[in-house]
């Protein structure tokens, strides 16, 4: 993938053009306060995040293709849908949570009692 192909793929994916920048990309208005950038340097290609005017590199690549693919994945990644628990699983999770909290509270009280006895 090259920069021209990357631009087309990001547009097809519906990525806001103000959320990224790379050489040759026409500005579609000001970038967001936080935007992903891709730039060529003497050693290869760098993808990073620009926040409030400060570039922070995230990853360097030897090829344009690898950098473009990384940027595409970064901008199009979607979190998986949450898993719905069955009522039985929800109840088991609730009981486990209560047991863990009770154990932690008991441990905290024991530690405090030991500390108070020593000081």
PDB file of N, CA and C in Angstrom:
ATOM      1  N   UNK A   1       0.861  -1.172   0.000  1.00  0.00           N
ATOM      2  CA  UNK A   1       0.000   0.000   0.000  1.00  0.00           C
ATOM      3  C   UNK A   1       0.908   1.235   0.000  1.00  0.00           C
ATOM      4  N   UNK A   2       0.507   2.243  -0.782  1.00  0.00           N
ATOM      5  CA  UNK A   2       1.234   3.508  -0.762  1.00  0.00           C
ATOM      6  C   UNK A   2       0.320   4.598  -0.205  1.00  0.00           C
ATOM      7  N   UNK A   3       0.828   5.824  -0.129  1.00  0.00           N
ATOM      8  CA  UNK A   3       0.062   6.912   0.474  1.00  0.00           C
ATOM      9  C   UNK A   3      -1.240   7.193  -0.268  1.00  0.00           C
ATOM     10  N   UNK A   4      -1.200   7.131  -1.593  1.00  0.00           N
ATOM     11  CA  UNK A   4      -2.420   7.370  -2.375  1.00  0.00           C
ATOM     12  C   UNK A   4      -3.472   6.288  -2.091  1.00  0.00           C
ATOM     13  N   UNK A   5      -3.034   5.043  -2.042  1.00  0.00           N
ATOM     14  CA  UNK A   5      -3.959   3.952  -1.723  1.00  0.00           C
ATOM     15  C   UNK A   5      -4.473   4.076  -0.289  1.00  0.00           C
ATOM     16  N   UNK A   6      -3.604   4.470   0.623  1.00  0.00           N
ATOM     17  CA  UNK A   6      -4.005   4.661   2.013  1.00  0.00           C
ATOM     18  C   UNK A   6      -5.116   5.695   2.109  1.00  0.00           C
ATOM     19  N   UNK A   7      -4.956   6.807   1.393  1.00  0.00           N
ATOM     20  CA  UNK A   7      -5.979   7.854   1.422  1.00  0.00           C
ATOM     21  C   UNK A   7      -7.321   7.302   0.945  1.00  0.00           C
ATOM     22  N   UNK A   8      -7.309   6.526  -0.118  1.00  0.00           N
ATOM     23  CA  UNK A   8      -8.541   5.938  -0.643  1.00  0.00           C
ATOM     24  C   UNK A   8      -9.171   4.954   0.323  1.00  0.00           C
ATOM     25  N   UNK A   9      -8.351   4.110   0.940  1.00  0.00           N
ATOM     26  CA  UNK A   9      -8.870   3.119   1.881  1.00  0.00           C
ATOM     27  C   UNK A   9      -9.447   3.772   3.133  1.00  0.00           C
ATOM     28  N   UNK A  10      -8.783   4.815   3.627  1.00  0.00           N
ATOM     29  CA  UNK A  10      -9.301   5.508   4.806  1.00  0.00           C
ATOM     30  C   UNK A  10     -10.621   6.209   4.487  1.00  0.00           C
ATOM     31  N   UNK A  11     -10.715   6.774   3.299  1.00  0.00           N
ATOM     32  CA  UNK A  11     -11.971   7.416   2.889  1.00  0.00           C
ATOM     33  C   UNK A  11     -13.086   6.371   2.794  1.00  0.00           C
ATOM     34  N   UNK A  12     -12.780   5.210   2.199  1.00  0.00           N
ATOM     35  CA  UNK A  12     -13.780   4.135   2.095  1.00  0.00           C
ATOM     36  C   UNK A  12     -14.240   3.654   3.473  1.00  0.00           C
ATOM     37  N   UNK A  13     -13.313   3.659   4.425  1.00  0.00           N
ATOM     38  CA  UNK A  13     -13.630   3.191   5.775  1.00  0.00           C
ATOM     39  C   UNK A  13     -14.369   4.262   6.579  1.00  0.00           C
ATOM     40  N   UNK A  14     -14.487   5.464   6.025  1.00  0.00           N
ATOM     41  CA  UNK A  14     -15.219   6.525   6.712  1.00  0.00           C
ATOM     42  C   UNK A  14     -14.439   7.208   7.827  1.00  0.00           C
ATOM     43  N   UNK A  15     -13.119   7.136   7.778  1.00  0.00           N
ATOM     44  CA  UNK A  15     -12.286   7.773   8.799  1.00  0.00           C
ATOM     45  C   UNK A  15     -12.297   9.283   8.571  1.00  0.00           C
ATOM     46  N   UNK A  16     -12.529  10.038   9.628  1.00  0.00           N
ATOM     47  CA  UNK A  16     -12.551  11.502   9.556  1.00  0.00           C
ATOM     48  C   UNK A  16     -11.203  12.001   9.037  1.00  0.00           C
ATOM     49  N   UNK A  17     -11.168  12.709   7.915  1.00  0.00           N
ATOM     50  CA  UNK A  17      -9.891  13.158   7.352  1.00  0.00           C
ATOM     51  C   UNK A  17      -9.134  14.151   8.247  1.00  0.00           C
ATOM     52  N   UNK A  18      -9.784  14.714   9.235  1.00  0.00           N
ATOM     53  CA  UNK A  18      -9.093  15.628  10.144  1.00  0.00           C
ATOM     54  C   UNK A  18      -8.407  14.885  11.279  1.00  0.00           C
ATOM     55  N   UNK A  19      -8.505  13.541  11.270  1.00  0.00           N
ATOM     56  CA  UNK A  19      -7.880  12.756  12.333  1.00  0.00           C
ATOM     57  C   UNK A  19      -6.531  12.163  11.913  1.00  0.00           C
ATOM     58  N   UNK A  20      -6.048  12.516  10.710  1.00  0.00           N
ATOM     59  CA  UNK A  20      -4.757  12.004  10.265  1.00  0.00           C
ATOM     60  C   UNK A  20      -4.128  12.947   9.240  1.00  0.00           C
ATOM     61  N   UNK A  21      -2.810  12.793   9.080  1.00  0.00           N
ATOM     62  CA  UNK A  21      -2.078  13.593   8.096  1.00  0.00           C
ATOM     63  C   UNK A  21      -0.876  12.799   7.604  1.00  0.00           C
ATOM     64  N   UNK A  22      -0.562  12.970   6.323  1.00  0.00           N
ATOM     65  CA  UNK A  22       0.662  12.417   5.759  1.00  0.00           C
ATOM     66  C   UNK A  22       1.046  13.233   4.537  1.00  0.00           C
ATOM     67  N   UNK A  23       2.280  13.090   4.039  1.00  0.00           N
ATOM     68  CA  UNK A  23       2.733  13.907   2.910  1.00  0.00           C
ATOM     69  C   UNK A  23       1.821  13.765   1.698  1.00  0.00           C
ATOM     70  N   UNK A  24       1.486  14.906   1.095  1.00  0.00           N
ATOM     71  CA  UNK A  24       0.667  14.912  -0.114  1.00  0.00           C
ATOM     72  C   UNK A  24      -0.822  14.918   0.146  1.00  0.00           C
ATOM     73  N   UNK A  25      -1.241  14.741   1.384  1.00  0.00           N
ATOM     74  CA  UNK A  25      -2.676  14.748   1.701  1.00  0.00           C
ATOM     75  C   UNK A  25      -3.162  16.185   1.755  1.00  0.00           C
ATOM     76  N   UNK A  26      -4.234  16.444   1.028  1.00  0.00           N
ATOM     77  CA  UNK A  26      -4.829  17.772   1.043  1.00  0.00           C
ATOM     78  C   UNK A  26      -5.546  18.000   2.363  1.00  0.00           C
ATOM     79  N   UNK A  27      -5.353  19.164   2.938  1.00  0.00           N
ATOM     80  CA  UNK A  27      -6.009  19.478   4.207  1.00  0.00           C
ATOM     81  C   UNK A  27      -7.503  19.657   3.985  1.00  0.00           C
ATOM     82  N   UNK A  28      -8.303  19.015   4.821  1.00  0.00           N
ATOM     83  CA  UNK A  28      -9.762  19.143   4.777  1.00  0.00           C
ATOM     84  C   UNK A  28     -10.225  19.978   5.962  1.00  0.00           C
ATOM     85  N   UNK A  29      -9.462  21.000   6.284  1.00  0.00           N
ATOM     86  CA  UNK A  29      -9.731  21.797   7.468  1.00  0.00           C
ATOM     87  C   UNK A  29      -8.667  21.494   8.499  1.00  0.00           C
ATOM     88  N   UNK A  30      -8.739  22.154   9.642  1.00  0.00           N
ATOM     89  CA  UNK A  30      -7.712  21.930  10.666  1.00  0.00           C
ATOM     90  C   UNK A  30      -7.793  20.515  11.238  1.00  0.00           C
ATOM     91  N   UNK A  31      -6.630  19.990  11.595  1.00  0.00           N
ATOM     92  CA  UNK A  31      -6.591  18.673  12.219  1.00  0.00           C
ATOM     93  C   UNK A  31      -7.208  18.743  13.610  1.00  0.00           C
ATOM     94  N   UNK A  32      -7.699  17.612  14.082  1.00  0.00           N
ATOM     95  CA  UNK A  32      -8.173  17.525  15.463  1.00  0.00           C
ATOM     96  C   UNK A  32      -6.993  17.781  16.399  1.00  0.00           C
ATOM     97  N   UNK A  33      -7.282  18.069  17.663  1.00  0.00           N
ATOM     98  CA  UNK A  33      -6.209  18.292  18.641  1.00  0.00           C
ATOM     99  C   UNK A  33      -5.298  17.076  18.755  1.00  0.00           C
ATOM    100  N   UNK A  34      -5.853  15.901  18.499  1.00  0.00           N
ATOM    101  CA  UNK A  34      -5.081  14.665  18.501  1.00  0.00           C
ATOM    102  C   UNK A  34      -5.290  13.995  17.153  1.00  0.00           C
ATOM    103  N   UNK A  35      -4.207  13.816  16.400  1.00  0.00           N
ATOM    104  CA  UNK A  35      -4.304  13.219  15.069  1.00  0.00           C
ATOM    105  C   UNK A  35      -3.114  12.294  14.831  1.00  0.00           C
ATOM    106  N   UNK A  36      -3.323  11.280  14.022  1.00  0.00           N
ATOM    107  CA  UNK A  36      -2.258  10.345  13.663  1.00  0.00           C
ATOM    108  C   UNK A  36      -1.516  10.913  12.455  1.00  0.00           C
ATOM    109  N   UNK A  37      -0.200  10.796  12.466  1.00  0.00           N
ATOM    110  CA  UNK A  37       0.587  11.271  11.326  1.00  0.00           C
ATOM    111  C   UNK A  37       1.479  10.166  10.809  1.00  0.00           C
ATOM    112  N   UNK A  38       1.843  10.280   9.564  1.00  0.00           N
ATOM    113  CA  UNK A  38       2.798   9.381   8.924  1.00  0.00           C
ATOM    114  C   UNK A  38       3.781  10.281   8.202  1.00  0.00           C
ATOM    115  N   UNK A  39       5.072  10.068   8.390  1.00  0.00           N
ATOM    116  CA  UNK A  39       6.067  10.889   7.708  1.00  0.00           C
ATOM    117  C   UNK A  39       7.257  10.040   7.304  1.00  0.00           C
ATOM    118  N   UNK A  40       7.875  10.455   6.223  1.00  0.00           N
ATOM    119  CA  UNK A  40       9.097   9.813   5.756  1.00  0.00           C
ATOM    120  C   UNK A  40      10.270  10.531   6.402  1.00  0.00           C
ATOM    121  N   UNK A  41      11.252   9.760   6.837  1.00  0.00           N
ATOM    122  CA  UNK A  41      12.485  10.366   7.334  1.00  0.00           C
ATOM    123  C   UNK A  41      13.652   9.697   6.631  1.00  0.00           C
ATOM    124  N   UNK A  42      14.842  10.072   6.942  1.00  0.00           N
ATOM    125  CA  UNK A  42      16.001   9.518   6.252  1.00  0.00           C
ATOM    126  C   UNK A  42      16.148   8.015   6.389  1.00  0.00           C
ATOM    127  N   UNK A  43      15.624   7.448   7.476  1.00  0.00           N
ATOM    128  CA  UNK A  43      15.807   6.021   7.738  1.00  0.00           C
ATOM    129  C   UNK A  43      14.610   5.181   7.323  1.00  0.00           C
ATOM    130  N   UNK A  44      13.493   5.798   6.985  1.00  0.00           N
ATOM    131  CA  UNK A  44      12.300   5.029   6.629  1.00  0.00           C
ATOM    132  C   UNK A  44      11.051   5.853   6.838  1.00  0.00           C
ATOM    133  N   UNK A  45      10.078   5.249   7.525  1.00  0.00           N
ATOM    134  CA  UNK A  45       8.774   5.874   7.733  1.00  0.00           C
ATOM    135  C   UNK A  45       8.399   5.797   9.207  1.00  0.00           C
ATOM    136  N   UNK A  46       7.748   6.837   9.687  1.00  0.00           N
ATOM    137  CA  UNK A  46       7.330   6.880  11.090  1.00  0.00           C
ATOM    138  C   UNK A  46       5.848   7.198  11.166  1.00  0.00           C
ATOM    139  N   UNK A  47       5.147   6.464  12.028  1.00  0.00           N
ATOM    140  CA  UNK A  47       3.745   6.748  12.335  1.00  0.00           C
ATOM    141  C   UNK A  47       3.712   7.153  13.802  1.00  0.00           C
ATOM    142  N   UNK A  48       2.977   8.221  14.066  1.00  0.00           N
ATOM    143  CA  UNK A  48       2.897   8.699  15.439  1.00  0.00           C
ATOM    144  C   UNK A  48       1.612   9.467  15.670  1.00  0.00           C
ATOM    145  N   UNK A  49       1.546  10.101  16.831  1.00  0.00           N
ATOM    146  CA  UNK A  49       0.368  10.880  17.209  1.00  0.00           C
ATOM    147  C   UNK A  49       0.810  12.321  17.432  1.00  0.00           C
ATOM    148  N   UNK A  50       0.056  13.241  16.876  1.00  0.00           N
ATOM    149  CA  UNK A  50       0.300  14.662  17.073  1.00  0.00           C
ATOM    150  C   UNK A  50      -0.784  15.185  18.009  1.00  0.00           C
ATOM    151  N   UNK A  51      -0.366  15.635  19.188  1.00  0.00           N
ATOM    152  CA  UNK A  51      -1.303  16.177  20.169  1.00  0.00           C
ATOM    153  C   UNK A  51      -0.858  17.578  20.547  1.00  0.00           C
ATOM    154  N   UNK A  52      -1.770  18.519  20.378  1.00  0.00           N
ATOM    155  CA  UNK A  52      -1.500  19.921  20.725  1.00  0.00           C
ATOM    156  C   UNK A  52      -0.199  20.408  20.121  1.00  0.00           C
ATOM    157  N   UNK A  53       0.051  20.031  18.878  1.00  0.00           N
ATOM    158  CA  UNK A  53       1.223  20.509  18.158  1.00  0.00           C
ATOM    159  C   UNK A  53       2.510  19.762  18.419  1.00  0.00           C
ATOM    160  N   UNK A  54       2.463  18.709  19.240  1.00  0.00           N
ATOM    161  CA  UNK A  54       3.672  17.949  19.558  1.00  0.00           C
ATOM    162  C   UNK A  54       3.563  16.553  18.950  1.00  0.00           C
ATOM    163  N   UNK A  55       4.537  16.198  18.113  1.00  0.00           N
ATOM    164  CA  UNK A  55       4.568  14.868  17.502  1.00  0.00           C
ATOM    165  C   UNK A  55       5.217  13.863  18.448  1.00  0.00           C
ATOM    166  N   UNK A  56       4.540  12.735  18.646  1.00  0.00           N
ATOM    167  CA  UNK A  56       5.081  11.645  19.455  1.00  0.00           C
ATOM    168  C   UNK A  56       5.124  10.395  18.578  1.00  0.00           C
ATOM    169  N   UNK A  57       6.323   9.983  18.146  1.00  0.00           N
ATOM    170  CA  UNK A  57       6.430   8.783  17.308  1.00  0.00           C
ATOM    171  C   UNK A  57       5.961   7.545  18.054  1.00  0.00           C
ATOM    172  N   UNK A  58       5.253   6.661  17.334  1.00  0.00           N
ATOM    173  CA  UNK A  58       4.802   5.398  17.932  1.00  0.00           C
ATOM    174  C   UNK A  58       5.552   4.213  17.370  1.00  0.00           C
ATOM    175  N   UNK A  59       5.778   4.234  16.044  1.00  0.00           N
ATOM    176  CA  UNK A  59       6.386   3.067  15.401  1.00  0.00           C
ATOM    177  C   UNK A  59       7.138   3.522  14.157  1.00  0.00           C
ATOM    178  N   UNK A  60       8.288   2.908  13.898  1.00  0.00           N
ATOM    179  CA  UNK A  60       9.066   3.192  12.693  1.00  0.00           C
ATOM    180  C   UNK A  60       9.052   1.974  11.783  1.00  0.00           C
ATOM    181  N   UNK A  61       9.126   2.237  10.476  1.00  0.00           N
ATOM    182  CA  UNK A  61       9.049   1.168   9.477  1.00  0.00           C
ATOM    183  C   UNK A  61      10.096   1.384   8.402  1.00  0.00           C
ATOM    184  N   UNK A  62      10.530   0.280   7.804  1.00  0.00           N
ATOM    185  CA  UNK A  62      11.488   0.353   6.707  1.00  0.00           C
ATOM    186  C   UNK A  62      10.807   0.674   5.387  1.00  0.00           C
ATOM    187  N   UNK A  63       9.518   0.310   5.258  1.00  0.00           N
ATOM    188  CA  UNK A  63       8.840   0.492   3.977  1.00  0.00           C
ATOM    189  C   UNK A  63       7.584   1.345   4.113  1.00  0.00           C
ATOM    190  N   UNK A  64       7.235   1.994   3.027  1.00  0.00           N
ATOM    191  CA  UNK A  64       5.997   2.773   2.964  1.00  0.00           C
ATOM    192  C   UNK A  64       4.791   1.865   3.156  1.00  0.00           C
ATOM    193  N   UNK A  65       4.846   0.690   2.571  1.00  0.00           N
ATOM    194  CA  UNK A  65       3.744  -0.264   2.670  1.00  0.00           C
ATOM    195  C   UNK A  65       3.450  -0.614   4.129  1.00  0.00           C
ATOM    196  N   UNK A  66       4.479  -0.965   4.889  1.00  0.00           N
ATOM    197  CA  UNK A  66       4.290  -1.352   6.289  1.00  0.00           C
ATOM    198  C   UNK A  66       3.745  -0.180   7.104  1.00  0.00           C
ATOM    199  N   UNK A  67       4.262   1.019   6.861  1.00  0.00           N
ATOM    200  CA  UNK A  67       3.793   2.200   7.589  1.00  0.00           C
ATOM    201  C   UNK A  67       2.336   2.497   7.256  1.00  0.00           C
ATOM    202  N   UNK A  68       1.972   2.400   5.989  1.00  0.00           N
ATOM    203  CA  UNK A  68       0.589   2.666   5.575  1.00  0.00           C
ATOM    204  C   UNK A  68      -0.370   1.648   6.182  1.00  0.00           C
ATOM    205  N   UNK A  69       0.015   0.392   6.171  1.00  0.00           N
ATOM    206  CA  UNK A  69      -0.849  -0.647   6.747  1.00  0.00           C
ATOM    207  C   UNK A  69      -1.024  -0.449   8.258  1.00  0.00           C
ATOM    208  N   UNK A  70       0.048  -0.084   8.934  1.00  0.00           N
ATOM    209  CA  UNK A  70      -0.034   0.174  10.372  1.00  0.00           C
ATOM    210  C   UNK A  70      -0.973   1.356  10.645  1.00  0.00           C
ATOM    211  N   UNK A  71      -0.818   2.424   9.878  1.00  0.00           N
ATOM    212  CA  UNK A  71      -1.666   3.602  10.071  1.00  0.00           C
ATOM    213  C   UNK A  71      -3.130   3.258   9.794  1.00  0.00           C
ATOM    214  N   UNK A  72      -3.369   2.492   8.746  1.00  0.00           N
ATOM    215  CA  UNK A  72      -4.744   2.087   8.428  1.00  0.00           C
ATOM    216  C   UNK A  72      -5.339   1.297   9.601  1.00  0.00           C
ATOM    217  N   UNK A  73      -4.600   0.318  10.093  1.00  0.00           N
ATOM    218  CA  UNK A  73      -5.089  -0.493  11.213  1.00  0.00           C
ATOM    219  C   UNK A  73      -5.335   0.363  12.457  1.00  0.00           C
ATOM    220  N   UNK A  74      -4.443   1.290  12.712  1.00  0.00           N
ATOM    221  CA  UNK A  74      -4.579   2.167  13.873  1.00  0.00           C
ATOM    222  C   UNK A  74      -5.853   3.009  13.790  1.00  0.00           C
ATOM    223  N   UNK A  75      -6.154   3.505  12.598  1.00  0.00           N
ATOM    224  CA  UNK A  75      -7.301   4.404  12.434  1.00  0.00           C
ATOM    225  C   UNK A  75      -8.631   3.682  12.242  1.00  0.00           C
ATOM    226  N   UNK A  76      -8.603   2.414  11.911  1.00  0.00           N
ATOM    227  CA  UNK A  76      -9.860   1.709  11.629  1.00  0.00           C
ATOM    228  C   UNK A  76     -10.182   0.630  12.663  1.00  0.00           C
ATOM    229  N   UNK A  77      -9.317   0.434  13.650  1.00  0.00           N
ATOM    230  CA  UNK A  77      -9.558  -0.590  14.661  1.00  0.00           C
ATOM    231  C   UNK A  77     -10.845  -0.288  15.410  1.00  0.00           C
ATOM    232  N   UNK A  78     -11.647  -1.306  15.597  1.00  0.00           N
ATOM    233  CA  UNK A  78     -12.891  -1.194  16.353  1.00  0.00           C
ATOM    234  C   UNK A  78     -12.833  -2.170  17.522  1.00  0.00           C
ATOM    235  N   UNK A  79     -13.256  -1.704  18.671  1.00  0.00           N
ATOM    236  CA  UNK A  79     -13.298  -2.572  19.847  1.00  0.00           C
ATOM    237  C   UNK A  79     -14.350  -3.652  19.632  1.00  0.00           C
ATOM    238  N   UNK A  80     -14.097  -4.848  20.118  1.00  0.00           N
ATOM    239  CA  UNK A  80     -15.101  -5.900  19.984  1.00  0.00           C
ATOM    240  C   UNK A  80     -16.342  -5.577  20.814  1.00  0.00           C
ATOM    241  N   UNK A  81     -17.452  -6.112  20.377  1.00  0.00           N
ATOM    242  CA  UNK A  81     -18.703  -5.928  21.121  1.00  0.00           C
ATOM    243  C   UNK A  81     -18.587  -6.614  22.481  1.00  0.00           C
ATOM    244  N   UNK A  82     -19.135  -5.993  23.517  1.00  0.00           N
ATOM    245  CA  UNK A  82     -19.082  -6.640  24.825  1.00  0.00           C
ATOM    246  C   UNK A  82     -19.872  -7.946  24.824  1.00  0.00           C
ATOM    247  N   UNK A  83     -19.411  -8.874  25.619  1.00  0.00           N
ATOM    248  CA  UNK A  83     -20.077 -10.170  25.725  1.00  0.00           C
ATOM    249  C   UNK A  83     -21.190 -10.047  26.765  1.00  0.00           C
ATOM    250  N   UNK A  84     -22.374 -10.467  26.401  1.00  0.00           N
ATOM    251  CA  UNK A  84     -23.506 -10.457  27.336  1.00  0.00           C
ATOM    252  C   UNK A  84     -23.480 -11.737  28.162  1.00  0.00           C
ATOM    253  N   UNK A  85     -23.565 -11.566  29.475  1.00  0.00           N
ATOM    254  CA  UNK A  85     -23.604 -12.719  30.364  1.00  0.00           C
ATOM    255  C   UNK A  85     -25.024 -13.248  30.474  1.00  0.00           C
ATOM    256  N   UNK A  86     -25.122 -14.543  30.652  1.00  0.00           N
ATOM    257  CA  UNK A  86     -26.421 -15.121  30.953  1.00  0.00           C
ATOM    258  C   UNK A  86     -26.766 -14.724  32.390  1.00  0.00           C
ATOM    259  N   UNK A  87     -28.024 -14.821  32.791  1.00  0.00           N
ATOM    260  CA  UNK A  87     -28.359 -14.511  34.192  1.00  0.00           C
ATOM    261  C   UNK A  87     -27.556 -15.353  35.182  1.00  0.00           C
ATOM    262  N   UNK A  88     -27.294 -16.605  34.847  1.00  0.00           N
ATOM    263  CA  UNK A  88     -26.517 -17.468  35.739  1.00  0.00           C
ATOM    264  C   UNK A  88     -25.073 -16.985  35.842  1.00  0.00           C
ATOM    265  N   UNK A  89     -24.483 -16.593  34.701  1.00  0.00           N
ATOM    266  CA  UNK A  89     -23.110 -16.088  34.706  1.00  0.00           C
ATOM    267  C   UNK A  89     -23.021 -14.766  35.477  1.00  0.00           C
ATOM    268  N   UNK A  90     -24.013 -13.910  35.312  1.00  0.00           N
ATOM    269  CA  UNK A  90     -24.038 -12.628  36.019  1.00  0.00           C
ATOM    270  C   UNK A  90     -24.109 -12.852  37.529  1.00  0.00           C
ATOM    271  N   UNK A  91     -24.932 -13.795  37.952  1.00  0.00           N
ATOM    272  CA  UNK A  91     -25.052 -14.090  39.383  1.00  0.00           C
ATOM    273  C   UNK A  91     -23.744 -14.672  39.920  1.00  0.00           C
ATOM    274  N   UNK A  92     -23.123 -15.565  39.169  1.00  0.00           N
ATOM    275  CA  UNK A  92     -21.845 -16.141  39.592  1.00  0.00           C
ATOM    276  C   UNK A  92     -20.779 -15.051  39.693  1.00  0.00           C
ATOM    277  N   UNK A  93     -20.767 -14.121  38.753  1.00  0.00           N
ATOM    278  CA  UNK A  93     -19.805 -13.017  38.791  1.00  0.00           C
ATOM    279  C   UNK A  93     -20.061 -12.118  39.994  1.00  0.00           C
ATOM    280  N   UNK A  94     -21.323 -11.857  40.290  1.00  0.00           N
ATOM    281  CA  UNK A  94     -21.672 -11.031  41.445  1.00  0.00           C
ATOM    282  C   UNK A  94     -21.200 -11.685  42.741  1.00  0.00           C
ATOM    283  N   UNK A  95     -21.453 -12.978  42.876  1.00  0.00           N
ATOM    284  CA  UNK A  95     -21.037 -13.692  44.079  1.00  0.00           C
ATOM    285  C   UNK A  95     -19.520 -13.736  44.222  1.00  0.00           C
ATOM    286  N   UNK A  96     -18.822 -13.963  43.113  1.00  0.00           N
ATOM    287  CA  UNK A  96     -17.358 -13.969  43.139  1.00  0.00           C
ATOM    288  C   UNK A  96     -16.836 -12.597  43.555  1.00  0.00           C
ATOM    289  N   UNK A  97     -17.418 -11.552  43.013  1.00  0.00           N
ATOM    290  CA  UNK A  97     -17.012 -10.196  43.355  1.00  0.00           C
ATOM    291  C   UNK A  97     -17.218  -9.935  44.849  1.00  0.00           C
ATOM    292  N   UNK A  98     -18.352 -10.331  45.384  1.00  0.00           N
ATOM    293  CA  UNK A  98     -18.615 -10.150  46.814  1.00  0.00           C
ATOM    294  C   UNK A  98     -17.604 -10.917  47.662  1.00  0.00           C
ATOM    295  N   UNK A  99     -17.273 -12.149  47.256  1.00  0.00           N
ATOM    296  CA  UNK A  99     -16.309 -12.951  48.008  1.00  0.00           C
ATOM    297  C   UNK A  99     -14.932 -12.294  47.997  1.00  0.00           C
ATOM    298  N   UNK A 100     -14.504 -11.813  46.837  1.00  0.00           N
ATOM    299  CA  UNK A 100     -13.191 -11.169  46.729  1.00  0.00           C
ATOM    300  C   UNK A 100     -13.151  -9.894  47.570  1.00  0.00           C
ATOM    301  N   UNK A 101     -14.216  -9.104  47.525  1.00  0.00           N
ATOM    302  CA  UNK A 101     -14.255  -7.884  48.327  1.00  0.00           C
ATOM    303  C   UNK A 101     -14.206  -8.203  49.819  1.00  0.00           C
ATOM    304  N   UNK A 102     -14.924  -9.228  50.250  1.00  0.00           N
ATOM    305  CA  UNK A 102     -14.916  -9.617  51.663  1.00  0.00           C
ATOM    306  C   UNK A 102     -13.516 -10.073  52.076  1.00  0.00           C
ATOM    307  N   UNK A 103     -12.846 -10.861  51.229  1.00  0.00           N
ATOM    308  CA  UNK A 103     -11.488 -11.320  51.535  1.00  0.00           C
ATOM    309  C   UNK A 103     -10.528 -10.133  51.627  1.00  0.00           C
ATOM    310  N   UNK A 104     -10.653  -9.185  50.709  1.00  0.00           N
ATOM    311  CA  UNK A 104      -9.773  -8.018  50.728  1.00  0.00           C
ATOM    312  C   UNK A 104     -10.023  -7.157  51.962  1.00  0.00           C
ATOM    313  N   UNK A 105     -11.279  -6.999  52.343  1.00  0.00           N
ATOM    314  CA  UNK A 105     -11.605  -6.218  53.533  1.00  0.00           C
ATOM    315  C   UNK A 105     -11.055  -6.896  54.790  1.00  0.00           C
ATOM    316  N   UNK A 106     -11.201  -8.216  54.872  1.00  0.00           N
ATOM    317  CA  UNK A 106     -10.671  -8.973  55.999  1.00  0.00           C
ATOM    318  C   UNK A 106      -9.146  -8.815  56.062  1.00  0.00           C
ATOM    319  N   UNK A 107      -8.478  -8.932  54.917  1.00  0.00           N
ATOM    320  CA  UNK A 107      -7.023  -8.785  54.860  1.00  0.00           C
ATOM    321  C   UNK A 107      -6.609  -7.377  55.292  1.00  0.00           C
ATOM    322  N   UNK A 108      -7.324  -6.373  54.838  1.00  0.00           N
ATOM    323  CA  UNK A 108      -7.014  -4.994  55.210  1.00  0.00           C
ATOM    324  C   UNK A 108      -7.147  -4.788  56.719  1.00  0.00           C
ATOM    325  N   UNK A 109      -8.211  -5.311  57.299  1.00  0.00           N
ATOM    326  CA  UNK A 109      -8.419  -5.165  58.741  1.00  0.00           C
ATOM    327  C   UNK A 109      -7.323  -5.874  59.539  1.00  0.00           C
ATOM    328  N   UNK A 110      -6.899  -7.070  59.070  1.00  0.00           N
ATOM    329  CA  UNK A 110      -5.825  -7.799  59.745  1.00  0.00           C
ATOM    330  C   UNK A 110      -4.516  -7.025  59.677  1.00  0.00           C
ATOM    331  N   UNK A 111      -4.216  -6.468  58.514  1.00  0.00           N
ATOM    332  CA  UNK A 111      -2.981  -5.694  58.369  1.00  0.00           C
ATOM    333  C   UNK A 111      -3.005  -4.450  59.245  1.00  0.00           C
ATOM    334  N   UNK A 112      -4.156  -3.789  59.295  1.00  0.00           N
ATOM    335  CA  UNK A 112      -4.274  -2.588  60.119  1.00  0.00           C
ATOM    336  C   UNK A 112      -4.101  -2.944  61.584  1.00  0.00           C
ATOM    337  N   UNK A 113      -4.693  -4.044  62.034  1.00  0.00           N
ATOM    338  CA  UNK A 113      -4.563  -4.466  63.429  1.00  0.00           C
ATOM    339  C   UNK A 113      -3.103  -4.762  63.764  1.00  0.00           C
ATOM    340  N   UNK A 114      -2.385  -5.442  62.860  1.00  0.00           N
ATOM    341  CA  UNK A 114      -0.962  -5.729  63.080  1.00  0.00           C
ATOM    342  C   UNK A 114      -0.156  -4.435  63.139  1.00  0.00           C
ATOM    343  N   UNK A 115      -0.457  -3.512  62.230  1.00  0.00           N
ATOM    344  CA  UNK A 115       0.259  -2.236  62.213  1.00  0.00           C
ATOM    345  C   UNK A 115       0.012  -1.474  63.512  1.00  0.00           C
ATOM    346  N   UNK A 116      -1.275  -1.409  63.920  1.00  0.00           N
ATOM    347  CA  UNK A 116      -1.612  -0.685  65.158  1.00  0.00           C
ATOM    348  C   UNK A 116      -0.930  -1.317  66.367  1.00  0.00           C
ATOM    349  N   UNK A 117      -0.824  -2.647  66.383  1.00  0.00           N
ATOM    350  CA  UNK A 117      -0.179  -3.332  67.512  1.00  0.00           C
ATOM    351  C   UNK A 117       1.324  -3.055  67.552  1.00  0.00           C
ATOM    352  N   UNK A 118       1.939  -2.871  66.389  1.00  0.00           N
ATOM    353  CA  UNK A 118       3.376  -2.643  66.318  1.00  0.00           C
ATOM    354  C   UNK A 118       3.756  -1.189  66.559  1.00  0.00           C
ATOM    355  N   UNK A 119       2.821  -0.281  66.382  1.00  0.00           N
ATOM    356  CA  UNK A 119       3.152   1.160  66.497  1.00  0.00           C
ATOM    357  C   UNK A 119       2.381   1.754  67.608  1.00  0.00           C
TER     358      UNK A 119
END
